[in-house]
Amino acid sequence: MSADEVLVDVLRAQLAAQPWWRTSANTVTSAVTLGVNAVWLLVSFGVDVDPMVIAVVAALVQLLGVVGVKLTPNGVTARQIDELEAYVGRHRA
């Protein structure tokens, strides 16, 4: 068994062992940001709040979402493993 195959096997085992949300952690972070912003907008439109405050808070929530995506490490994905196998295959031939 070559070192490439061992690496791919280790990555596939790590992929199988990690929780579902780790595989797409940035997508989950973005979805949470969208949910928070949607709740904020729904609540703020039902209350007498200055439209500028609504816009600023929505923008801040979105900015925090961007920072959250930047700071959230993704786990191993099947696509990464497939790309690694293809890359090694092309360069071994």
Protein backbone atom coordinates (compact mmCIF):
# COMPACT_ATOMS: atom_id res chain seq x y z
CA MET A 1 0.00 0.00 0.00
CA SER A 2 1.49 3.33 -1.06
CA ALA A 3 1.69 6.44 1.10
CA ASP A 4 -0.96 8.05 -1.11
CA GLU A 5 -3.42 5.26 -0.42
CA VAL A 6 -2.70 5.43 3.31
CA LEU A 7 -3.35 9.18 3.30
CA VAL A 8 -6.63 8.76 1.43
CA ASP A 9 -7.69 5.98 3.82
CA VAL A 10 -6.90 8.19 6.83
CA LEU A 11 -8.87 11.08 5.34
CA ARG A 12 -11.86 8.83 4.53
CA ALA A 13 -11.81 7.52 8.12
CA GLN A 14 -11.69 11.08 9.44
CA LEU A 15 -14.58 12.02 7.16
CA ALA A 16 -16.65 9.11 8.45
CA ALA A 17 -15.86 9.95 12.09
CA GLN A 18 -16.63 13.66 12.04
CA PRO A 19 -20.14 15.00 12.74
CA TRP A 20 -22.29 16.05 9.76
CA TRP A 21 -22.07 19.75 10.57
CA ARG A 22 -18.25 19.76 10.51
CA THR A 23 -18.23 18.75 6.83
CA SER A 24 -20.10 21.93 5.91
CA ALA A 25 -19.36 24.15 8.89
CA ASN A 26 -19.21 27.33 6.82
CA THR A 27 -22.58 26.56 5.24
CA VAL A 28 -24.07 26.02 8.70
CA THR A 29 -22.54 29.31 9.89
CA SER A 30 -24.02 31.13 6.90
CA ALA A 31 -27.43 29.55 7.48
CA VAL A 32 -27.40 30.61 11.15
CA THR A 33 -26.49 34.15 10.10
CA LEU A 34 -29.36 34.17 7.61
CA GLY A 35 -31.74 32.92 10.30
CA VAL A 36 -30.67 35.55 12.82
CA ASN A 37 -30.98 38.29 10.23
CA ALA A 38 -34.42 37.06 9.12
CA VAL A 39 -35.67 36.98 12.73
CA TRP A 40 -34.26 40.46 13.34
CA LEU A 41 -35.97 41.87 10.26
CA LEU A 42 -39.31 40.22 11.06
CA VAL A 43 -39.25 41.46 14.65
CA SER A 44 -37.98 44.94 13.79
CA PHE A 45 -40.67 45.55 11.17
CA GLY A 46 -43.32 44.74 13.76
CA VAL A 47 -41.93 47.25 16.26
CA ASP A 48 -41.60 51.01 15.95
CA VAL A 49 -37.87 51.18 15.18
CA ASP A 50 -36.07 53.73 13.04
CA PRO A 51 -35.37 52.20 9.60
CA MET A 52 -31.73 53.28 9.90
CA VAL A 53 -31.38 51.22 13.09
CA ILE A 54 -32.94 48.23 11.32
CA ALA A 55 -30.46 48.55 8.46
CA VAL A 56 -27.43 49.03 10.73
CA VAL A 57 -28.26 46.04 12.92
CA ALA A 58 -28.93 43.86 9.84
CA ALA A 59 -25.58 44.95 8.38
CA LEU A 60 -23.79 44.20 11.66
CA VAL A 61 -25.37 40.74 11.84
CA GLN A 62 -24.20 40.08 8.29
CA LEU A 63 -20.71 41.34 9.09
CA LEU A 64 -20.55 39.04 12.11
CA GLY A 65 -21.64 36.21 9.82
CA VAL A 66 -18.74 36.93 7.47
CA VAL A 67 -16.32 36.94 10.41
CA GLY A 68 -17.90 33.70 11.63
CA VAL A 69 -17.34 32.03 8.26
CA LYS A 70 -13.73 33.25 8.24
CA LEU A 71 -13.06 31.85 11.71
CA THR A 72 -14.98 28.57 11.32
CA PRO A 73 -12.71 25.72 10.25
CA ASN A 74 -14.27 23.23 7.88
CA GLY A 75 -13.75 19.53 8.32
CA VAL A 76 -12.66 17.03 5.72
CA THR A 77 -15.04 16.72 2.77
CA ALA A 78 -15.53 13.99 0.21
CA ARG A 79 -14.76 16.49 -2.53
CA GLN A 80 -11.36 17.29 -1.00
CA ILE A 81 -10.49 13.61 -0.87
CA ASP A 82 -11.60 13.07 -4.48
CA GLU A 83 -9.57 16.09 -5.64
CA LEU A 84 -6.52 14.84 -3.74
CA GLU A 85 -6.82 11.40 -5.35
CA ALA A 86 -7.19 12.95 -8.81
CA TYR A 87 -4.22 15.27 -8.23
CA VAL A 88 -1.97 12.47 -7.03
CA GLY A 89 -3.14 10.24 -9.88
CA ARG A 90 -2.29 12.89 -12.48
CA HIS A 91 1.14 13.53 -11.01
CA ARG A 92 2.06 9.87 -10.49
CA ALA A 93 1.37 8.89 -14.07
